[in-house]
């Protein structure tokens, strides 16, 4: 399916391409396919393409001389039959500890939703989530597929400190904080893994389009895995989709 896209100059060296403002797996697949087309066809002219829920930001190596011509070429590329080898998608099995001792908002969240803690855990671990994009912090995973029973607006007053690895809910989304950070999402769990390492070629080993399955673990398991991660002897499990 092709969409009616909007193109606009974002800066003298960047063009923003926008899809309908929806969180939708069909749109995500189209965004990633177009990203691969651009990267394959534009060579050294384009230095980076960043994807989000329903947009691509295309960065050029130098200032864009004629934005209208460039937009026309992008439109033609979008509708072209250019075949690209897509990256292999993975499903990652991520351990999460849902303990009120380390998940700072779990008890309050369950009370606001009028659910037991066990019900929150059950509802949060059942889905297979889709990674829509990575931001606002390097390695922060924005995941789609949250059960509607767990939807809850962001905090009116953001927390000054959310711990690294916090698995949190904000509105209709769930995600994972890769570093200590202020934040307005409700931290209902904790994952002992690292999600961002600037010393590795890919920085974040999880990619948009991948899938996530949360596996509930006990607090002693969390501490054990965290220690192994720190000593670089634990790696998350995954399967090729």
C-alpha atoms as a PDB file:
ATOM      1  CA  UNK A   1       0.000   0.000   0.000  1.00  0.00           C
ATOM      2  CA  UNK A   2       1.230   3.466  -0.924  1.00  0.00           C
ATOM      3  CA  UNK A   3       0.412   6.520   1.179  1.00  0.00           C
ATOM      4  CA  UNK A   4      -0.012  10.212   0.426  1.00  0.00           C
ATOM      5  CA  UNK A   5       3.189  11.626   1.854  1.00  0.00           C
ATOM      6  CA  UNK A   6       4.095  15.171   2.823  1.00  0.00           C
ATOM      7  CA  UNK A   7       7.562  16.519   2.013  1.00  0.00           C
ATOM      8  CA  UNK A   8       9.089  19.671   3.456  1.00  0.00           C
ATOM      9  CA  UNK A   9      12.455  21.293   3.897  1.00  0.00           C
ATOM     10  CA  UNK A  10      13.576  20.706   7.482  1.00  0.00           C
ATOM     11  CA  UNK A  11      16.893  22.528   7.278  1.00  0.00           C
ATOM     12  CA  UNK A  12      19.282  23.527   4.524  1.00  0.00           C
ATOM     13  CA  UNK A  13      20.606  19.937   4.548  1.00  0.00           C
ATOM     14  CA  UNK A  14      17.537  17.890   5.473  1.00  0.00           C
ATOM     15  CA  UNK A  15      14.096  16.951   4.141  1.00  0.00           C
ATOM     16  CA  UNK A  16      11.285  15.656   6.353  1.00  0.00           C
ATOM     17  CA  UNK A  17       8.900  13.067   4.873  1.00  0.00           C
ATOM     18  CA  UNK A  18       5.651  12.466   6.768  1.00  0.00           C
ATOM     19  CA  UNK A  19       3.016   9.697   6.661  1.00  0.00           C
ATOM     20  CA  UNK A  20      -0.492   9.882   8.215  1.00  0.00           C
ATOM     21  CA  UNK A  21      -0.198  10.618  11.948  1.00  0.00           C
ATOM     22  CA  UNK A  22      -1.017   7.132  13.190  1.00  0.00           C
ATOM     23  CA  UNK A  23       0.791   4.399  15.122  1.00  0.00           C
ATOM     24  CA  UNK A  24       0.320   1.610  12.616  1.00  0.00           C
ATOM     25  CA  UNK A  25       2.437  -1.412  11.634  1.00  0.00           C
ATOM     26  CA  UNK A  26       1.573  -0.961   7.947  1.00  0.00           C
ATOM     27  CA  UNK A  27       2.891   2.597   8.046  1.00  0.00           C
ATOM     28  CA  UNK A  28       5.996   1.428   9.934  1.00  0.00           C
ATOM     29  CA  UNK A  29       6.745  -1.169   7.250  1.00  0.00           C
ATOM     30  CA  UNK A  30       6.308   1.465   4.524  1.00  0.00           C
ATOM     31  CA  UNK A  31       8.568   3.907   6.377  1.00  0.00           C
ATOM     32  CA  UNK A  32      11.333   1.303   6.708  1.00  0.00           C
ATOM     33  CA  UNK A  33      10.992   0.155   3.081  1.00  0.00           C
ATOM     34  CA  UNK A  34      11.310   3.727   1.816  1.00  0.00           C
ATOM     35  CA  UNK A  35      14.294   4.270   4.120  1.00  0.00           C
ATOM     36  CA  UNK A  36      16.053   1.286   2.528  1.00  0.00           C
ATOM     37  CA  UNK A  37      15.259   2.587  -0.974  1.00  0.00           C
ATOM     38  CA  UNK A  38      16.735   5.995  -0.169  1.00  0.00           C
ATOM     39  CA  UNK A  39      19.888   4.544   1.357  1.00  0.00           C
ATOM     40  CA  UNK A  40      20.397   2.213  -1.610  1.00  0.00           C
ATOM     41  CA  UNK A  41      19.810   4.724  -4.384  1.00  0.00           C
ATOM     42  CA  UNK A  42      21.264   8.002  -3.140  1.00  0.00           C
ATOM     43  CA  UNK A  43      24.803   6.852  -2.413  1.00  0.00           C
ATOM     44  CA  UNK A  44      27.110   9.491  -0.939  1.00  0.00           C
ATOM     45  CA  UNK A  45      24.590  12.296  -1.489  1.00  0.00           C
ATOM     46  CA  UNK A  46      22.691  11.288   1.655  1.00  0.00           C
ATOM     47  CA  UNK A  47      24.600  10.652   4.875  1.00  0.00           C
ATOM     48  CA  UNK A  48      21.784   9.538   7.192  1.00  0.00           C
ATOM     49  CA  UNK A  49      18.075   8.657   7.245  1.00  0.00           C
ATOM     50  CA  UNK A  50      16.323   8.620  10.615  1.00  0.00           C
ATOM     51  CA  UNK A  51      12.935   6.976  11.059  1.00  0.00           C
ATOM     52  CA  UNK A  52      10.150   7.651  13.585  1.00  0.00           C
ATOM     53  CA  UNK A  53       6.542   6.447  13.988  1.00  0.00           C
ATOM     54  CA  UNK A  54       5.350   8.062  10.774  1.00  0.00           C
ATOM     55  CA  UNK A  55       8.231  10.024   9.317  1.00  0.00           C
ATOM     56  CA  UNK A  56      11.702   9.968   7.815  1.00  0.00           C
ATOM     57  CA  UNK A  57      14.287  12.699   8.227  1.00  0.00           C
ATOM     58  CA  UNK A  58      16.730  12.624   5.317  1.00  0.00           C
ATOM     59  CA  UNK A  59      20.133  14.274   5.905  1.00  0.00           C
ATOM     60  CA  UNK A  60      22.242  15.373   2.915  1.00  0.00           C
ATOM     61  CA  UNK A  61      26.013  15.687   2.718  1.00  0.00           C
ATOM     62  CA  UNK A  62      25.723  19.314   1.635  1.00  0.00           C
ATOM     63  CA  UNK A  63      23.122  22.055   1.342  1.00  0.00           C
ATOM     64  CA  UNK A  64      20.160  21.218  -0.904  1.00  0.00           C
ATOM     65  CA  UNK A  65      20.352  23.510  -3.943  1.00  0.00           C
ATOM     66  CA  UNK A  66      16.882  22.871  -5.354  1.00  0.00           C
ATOM     67  CA  UNK A  67      14.430  21.367  -2.863  1.00  0.00           C
ATOM     68  CA  UNK A  68      11.683  20.974  -5.494  1.00  0.00           C
ATOM     69  CA  UNK A  69      13.860  18.812  -7.737  1.00  0.00           C
ATOM     70  CA  UNK A  70      15.013  16.750  -4.765  1.00  0.00           C
ATOM     71  CA  UNK A  71      11.442  16.203  -3.540  1.00  0.00           C
ATOM     72  CA  UNK A  72      10.418  15.159  -7.060  1.00  0.00           C
ATOM     73  CA  UNK A  73      13.232  12.569  -7.136  1.00  0.00           C
ATOM     74  CA  UNK A  74      12.167  11.267  -3.709  1.00  0.00           C
ATOM     75  CA  UNK A  75       8.551  10.961  -4.865  1.00  0.00           C
ATOM     76  CA  UNK A  76       9.619   9.036  -7.956  1.00  0.00           C
ATOM     77  CA  UNK A  77      11.782   6.788  -5.801  1.00  0.00           C
ATOM     78  CA  UNK A  78       8.897   6.114  -3.397  1.00  0.00           C
ATOM     79  CA  UNK A  79       6.648   4.872  -6.213  1.00  0.00           C
ATOM     80  CA  UNK A  80       9.420   3.042  -8.035  1.00  0.00           C
ATOM     81  CA  UNK A  81       9.753  -0.708  -8.104  1.00  0.00           C
ATOM     82  CA  UNK A  82      13.265  -0.626  -6.677  1.00  0.00           C
ATOM     83  CA  UNK A  83      13.861  -3.810  -4.712  1.00  0.00           C
ATOM     84  CA  UNK A  84      15.864  -3.604  -1.537  1.00  0.00           C
ATOM     85  CA  UNK A  85      17.162  -6.325   0.671  1.00  0.00           C
ATOM     86  CA  UNK A  86      15.426  -5.698   3.981  1.00  0.00           C
ATOM     87  CA  UNK A  87      17.229  -6.223   7.246  1.00  0.00           C
ATOM     88  CA  UNK A  88      16.354  -9.473   8.986  1.00  0.00           C
ATOM     89  CA  UNK A  89      13.833  -8.761  11.715  1.00  0.00           C
ATOM     90  CA  UNK A  90      14.315 -10.324  15.123  1.00  0.00           C
ATOM     91  CA  UNK A  91      12.202 -11.039  18.160  1.00  0.00           C
ATOM     92  CA  UNK A  92      14.060 -10.260  21.374  1.00  0.00           C
ATOM     93  CA  UNK A  93      13.244 -11.926  24.681  1.00  0.00           C
ATOM     94  CA  UNK A  94      13.945  -9.349  27.367  1.00  0.00           C
ATOM     95  CA  UNK A  95      13.956 -10.182  31.095  1.00  0.00           C
ATOM     96  CA  UNK A  96      11.954  -7.750  33.233  1.00  0.00           C
ATOM     97  CA  UNK A  97      11.582  -7.670  37.020  1.00  0.00           C
ATOM     98  CA  UNK A  98       8.160  -6.444  38.107  1.00  0.00           C
ATOM     99  CA  UNK A  99       8.943  -5.812  41.766  1.00  0.00           C
ATOM    100  CA  UNK A 100       7.714  -2.884  43.842  1.00  0.00           C
ATOM    101  CA  UNK A 101      11.202  -2.817  45.369  1.00  0.00           C
ATOM    102  CA  UNK A 102      12.858  -1.725  42.111  1.00  0.00           C
ATOM    103  CA  UNK A 103       9.946  -0.621  39.863  1.00  0.00           C
ATOM    104  CA  UNK A 104       9.331   2.792  41.359  1.00  0.00           C
ATOM    105  CA  UNK A 105       5.801   3.373  40.020  1.00  0.00           C
ATOM    106  CA  UNK A 106       4.369  -0.160  39.913  1.00  0.00           C
ATOM    107  CA  UNK A 107       2.251   0.069  43.057  1.00  0.00           C
ATOM    108  CA  UNK A 108       0.894   3.525  42.229  1.00  0.00           C
ATOM    109  CA  UNK A 109       0.230   2.485  38.623  1.00  0.00           C
ATOM    110  CA  UNK A 110      -1.761  -0.591  39.682  1.00  0.00           C
ATOM    111  CA  UNK A 111      -3.849   1.539  42.056  1.00  0.00           C
ATOM    112  CA  UNK A 112      -4.566   4.163  39.395  1.00  0.00           C
ATOM    113  CA  UNK A 113      -5.679   1.432  36.977  1.00  0.00           C
ATOM    114  CA  UNK A 114      -7.650  -0.466  39.686  1.00  0.00           C
ATOM    115  CA  UNK A 115      -5.704  -3.606  38.819  1.00  0.00           C
ATOM    116  CA  UNK A 116      -3.747  -5.993  40.977  1.00  0.00           C
ATOM    117  CA  UNK A 117       0.008  -6.030  40.470  1.00  0.00           C
ATOM    118  CA  UNK A 118      -0.264  -9.584  39.134  1.00  0.00           C
ATOM    119  CA  UNK A 119      -2.845  -8.399  36.590  1.00  0.00           C
ATOM    120  CA  UNK A 120      -0.553  -5.579  35.459  1.00  0.00           C
ATOM    121  CA  UNK A 121       2.308  -8.045  35.001  1.00  0.00           C
ATOM    122  CA  UNK A 122       0.109 -10.488  33.103  1.00  0.00           C
ATOM    123  CA  UNK A 123      -1.251  -7.803  30.763  1.00  0.00           C
ATOM    124  CA  UNK A 124       2.195  -6.329  30.139  1.00  0.00           C
ATOM    125  CA  UNK A 125       3.972  -9.608  29.382  1.00  0.00           C
ATOM    126  CA  UNK A 126       1.324 -11.146  27.088  1.00  0.00           C
ATOM    127  CA  UNK A 127       1.809  -9.076  23.904  1.00  0.00           C
ATOM    128  CA  UNK A 128       4.596  -9.277  21.373  1.00  0.00           C
ATOM    129  CA  UNK A 129       5.550  -5.635  20.905  1.00  0.00           C
ATOM    130  CA  UNK A 130       6.820  -3.941  17.773  1.00  0.00           C
ATOM    131  CA  UNK A 131       9.782  -1.550  17.892  1.00  0.00           C
ATOM    132  CA  UNK A 132       8.526   1.528  16.048  1.00  0.00           C
ATOM    133  CA  UNK A 133      11.559   3.750  16.514  1.00  0.00           C
ATOM    134  CA  UNK A 134      14.444   4.640  18.786  1.00  0.00           C
ATOM    135  CA  UNK A 135      14.722   8.079  20.512  1.00  0.00           C
ATOM    136  CA  UNK A 136      14.307  10.456  22.672  1.00  0.00           C
ATOM    137  CA  UNK A 137      17.395   9.133  24.443  1.00  0.00           C
ATOM    138  CA  UNK A 138      19.935   7.050  22.487  1.00  0.00           C
ATOM    139  CA  UNK A 139      18.653   3.484  22.715  1.00  0.00           C
ATOM    140  CA  UNK A 140      15.182   4.355  24.058  1.00  0.00           C
ATOM    141  CA  UNK A 141      12.784   1.814  22.523  1.00  0.00           C
ATOM    142  CA  UNK A 142       9.304   3.051  21.587  1.00  0.00           C
ATOM    143  CA  UNK A 143       7.093  -0.025  21.481  1.00  0.00           C
ATOM    144  CA  UNK A 144       3.626  -0.493  20.012  1.00  0.00           C
ATOM    145  CA  UNK A 145       1.128  -3.182  21.011  1.00  0.00           C
ATOM    146  CA  UNK A 146       0.307  -2.258  24.611  1.00  0.00           C
ATOM    147  CA  UNK A 147      -2.966  -3.690  25.958  1.00  0.00           C
ATOM    148  CA  UNK A 148      -5.580  -0.914  26.174  1.00  0.00           C
ATOM    149  CA  UNK A 149      -6.274  -1.854  29.793  1.00  0.00           C
ATOM    150  CA  UNK A 150      -2.817  -0.473  30.631  1.00  0.00           C
ATOM    151  CA  UNK A 151      -3.146   2.879  28.852  1.00  0.00           C
ATOM    152  CA  UNK A 152      -2.412   5.722  31.277  1.00  0.00           C
ATOM    153  CA  UNK A 153      -1.531   9.337  30.539  1.00  0.00           C
ATOM    154  CA  UNK A 154       1.947  10.543  31.330  1.00  0.00           C
ATOM    155  CA  UNK A 155       2.530  11.882  34.806  1.00  0.00           C
ATOM    156  CA  UNK A 156       1.334  15.455  35.346  1.00  0.00           C
ATOM    157  CA  UNK A 157       4.631  16.123  37.124  1.00  0.00           C
ATOM    158  CA  UNK A 158       7.550  14.202  35.555  1.00  0.00           C
ATOM    159  CA  UNK A 159       9.917  12.314  37.830  1.00  0.00           C
ATOM    160  CA  UNK A 160      13.307  13.949  38.304  1.00  0.00           C
ATOM    161  CA  UNK A 161      15.002  10.562  38.100  1.00  0.00           C
ATOM    162  CA  UNK A 162      13.987   7.333  36.378  1.00  0.00           C
ATOM    163  CA  UNK A 163      16.535   4.554  36.637  1.00  0.00           C
ATOM    164  CA  UNK A 164      18.375   2.996  33.728  1.00  0.00           C
ATOM    165  CA  UNK A 165      16.498  -0.080  32.492  1.00  0.00           C
ATOM    166  CA  UNK A 166      13.103   1.129  33.705  1.00  0.00           C
ATOM    167  CA  UNK A 167      10.299  -0.437  31.664  1.00  0.00           C
ATOM    168  CA  UNK A 168       7.633   2.227  31.548  1.00  0.00           C
ATOM    169  CA  UNK A 169       4.206   3.170  30.217  1.00  0.00           C
ATOM    170  CA  UNK A 170       3.195   6.554  28.812  1.00  0.00           C
ATOM    171  CA  UNK A 171      -0.241   6.894  27.247  1.00  0.00           C
ATOM    172  CA  UNK A 172      -0.712   4.057  24.739  1.00  0.00           C
ATOM    173  CA  UNK A 173       3.002   3.245  24.551  1.00  0.00           C
ATOM    174  CA  UNK A 174       5.537   1.261  26.506  1.00  0.00           C
ATOM    175  CA  UNK A 175       9.297   1.604  26.357  1.00  0.00           C
ATOM    176  CA  UNK A 176      12.618   1.157  28.133  1.00  0.00           C
ATOM    177  CA  UNK A 177      14.880   3.888  29.541  1.00  0.00           C
ATOM    178  CA  UNK A 178      18.462   3.084  28.401  1.00  0.00           C
ATOM    179  CA  UNK A 179      20.050   5.473  30.910  1.00  0.00           C
ATOM    180  CA  UNK A 180      19.146   7.314  34.112  1.00  0.00           C
ATOM    181  CA  UNK A 181      16.927  10.195  33.079  1.00  0.00           C
ATOM    182  CA  UNK A 182      14.121  12.527  34.091  1.00  0.00           C
ATOM    183  CA  UNK A 183      10.860  11.273  32.613  1.00  0.00           C
ATOM    184  CA  UNK A 184       7.097  11.394  32.672  1.00  0.00           C
ATOM    185  CA  UNK A 185       6.313   7.730  32.066  1.00  0.00           C
ATOM    186  CA  UNK A 186       5.219   5.254  34.745  1.00  0.00           C
ATOM    187  CA  UNK A 187       8.068   2.837  35.591  1.00  0.00           C
ATOM    188  CA  UNK A 188       6.371  -0.534  36.205  1.00  0.00           C
ATOM    189  CA  UNK A 189       9.363  -2.852  35.719  1.00  0.00           C
ATOM    190  CA  UNK A 190      13.137  -3.008  35.391  1.00  0.00           C
ATOM    191  CA  UNK A 191      15.269  -4.643  32.705  1.00  0.00           C
ATOM    192  CA  UNK A 192      18.909  -5.436  33.606  1.00  0.00           C
ATOM    193  CA  UNK A 193      20.230  -5.188  30.038  1.00  0.00           C
ATOM    194  CA  UNK A 194      22.182  -2.457  28.239  1.00  0.00           C
ATOM    195  CA  UNK A 195      20.539  -0.945  25.165  1.00  0.00           C
ATOM    196  CA  UNK A 196      23.072   1.632  24.027  1.00  0.00           C
ATOM    197  CA  UNK A 197      26.828   1.345  23.603  1.00  0.00           C
ATOM    198  CA  UNK A 198      28.560   4.006  21.463  1.00  0.00           C
ATOM    199  CA  UNK A 199      31.677   1.813  21.291  1.00  0.00           C
ATOM    200  CA  UNK A 200      29.921  -0.772  19.099  1.00  0.00           C
ATOM    201  CA  UNK A 201      29.270  -0.291  15.350  1.00  0.00           C
ATOM    202  CA  UNK A 202      25.477  -0.410  15.684  1.00  0.00           C
ATOM    203  CA  UNK A 203      25.300   1.422  19.072  1.00  0.00           C
ATOM    204  CA  UNK A 204      21.894  -0.183  19.733  1.00  0.00           C
ATOM    205  CA  UNK A 205      21.557  -3.841  18.752  1.00  0.00           C
ATOM    206  CA  UNK A 206      17.756  -3.632  18.518  1.00  0.00           C
ATOM    207  CA  UNK A 207      16.327  -2.028  15.355  1.00  0.00           C
ATOM    208  CA  UNK A 208      13.009  -0.494  14.286  1.00  0.00           C
ATOM    209  CA  UNK A 209      10.798  -3.277  12.950  1.00  0.00           C
ATOM    210  CA  UNK A 210      12.113  -5.822  15.468  1.00  0.00           C
ATOM    211  CA  UNK A 211       9.758  -7.417  18.000  1.00  0.00           C
ATOM    212  CA  UNK A 212      10.009  -7.575  21.791  1.00  0.00           C
ATOM    213  CA  UNK A 213       8.679 -10.154  24.228  1.00  0.00           C
ATOM    214  CA  UNK A 214       8.989  -9.366  27.942  1.00  0.00           C
ATOM    215  CA  UNK A 215       9.804 -12.264  30.251  1.00  0.00           C
ATOM    216  CA  UNK A 216       8.944 -11.767  33.926  1.00  0.00           C
ATOM    217  CA  UNK A 217      11.790 -12.593  36.319  1.00  0.00           C
ATOM    218  CA  UNK A 218      12.284 -12.489  40.093  1.00  0.00           C
ATOM    219  CA  UNK A 219      14.424  -9.900  41.859  1.00  0.00           C
ATOM    220  CA  UNK A 220      17.279 -12.348  42.520  1.00  0.00           C
ATOM    221  CA  UNK A 221      17.325 -13.247  38.803  1.00  0.00           C
ATOM    222  CA  UNK A 222      17.385  -9.553  37.942  1.00  0.00           C
ATOM    223  CA  UNK A 223      20.416  -8.976  40.168  1.00  0.00           C
ATOM    224  CA  UNK A 224      22.185 -12.039  38.741  1.00  0.00           C
ATOM    225  CA  UNK A 225      21.615 -10.982  35.112  1.00  0.00           C
ATOM    226  CA  UNK A 226      22.614  -7.385  35.877  1.00  0.00           C
ATOM    227  CA  UNK A 227      25.919  -8.632  37.302  1.00  0.00           C
ATOM    228  CA  UNK A 228      26.530 -10.804  34.243  1.00  0.00           C
ATOM    229  CA  UNK A 229      25.746  -7.895  31.911  1.00  0.00           C
ATOM    230  CA  UNK A 230      28.249  -5.703  33.752  1.00  0.00           C
ATOM    231  CA  UNK A 231      30.838  -8.440  33.304  1.00  0.00           C
ATOM    232  CA  UNK A 232      29.857  -8.900  29.634  1.00  0.00           C
ATOM    233  CA  UNK A 233      28.900 -12.564  30.061  1.00  0.00           C
ATOM    234  CA  UNK A 234      25.166 -12.232  29.374  1.00  0.00           C
ATOM    235  CA  UNK A 235      23.524 -11.538  26.009  1.00  0.00           C
ATOM    236  CA  UNK A 236      19.786 -11.300  25.319  1.00  0.00           C
ATOM    237  CA  UNK A 237      18.105 -14.130  23.434  1.00  0.00           C
ATOM    238  CA  UNK A 238      16.520 -13.586  20.031  1.00  0.00           C
ATOM    239  CA  UNK A 239      15.081 -15.440  17.054  1.00  0.00           C
ATOM    240  CA  UNK A 240      14.931 -14.416  13.401  1.00  0.00           C
ATOM    241  CA  UNK A 241      11.361 -13.629  12.381  1.00  0.00           C
END
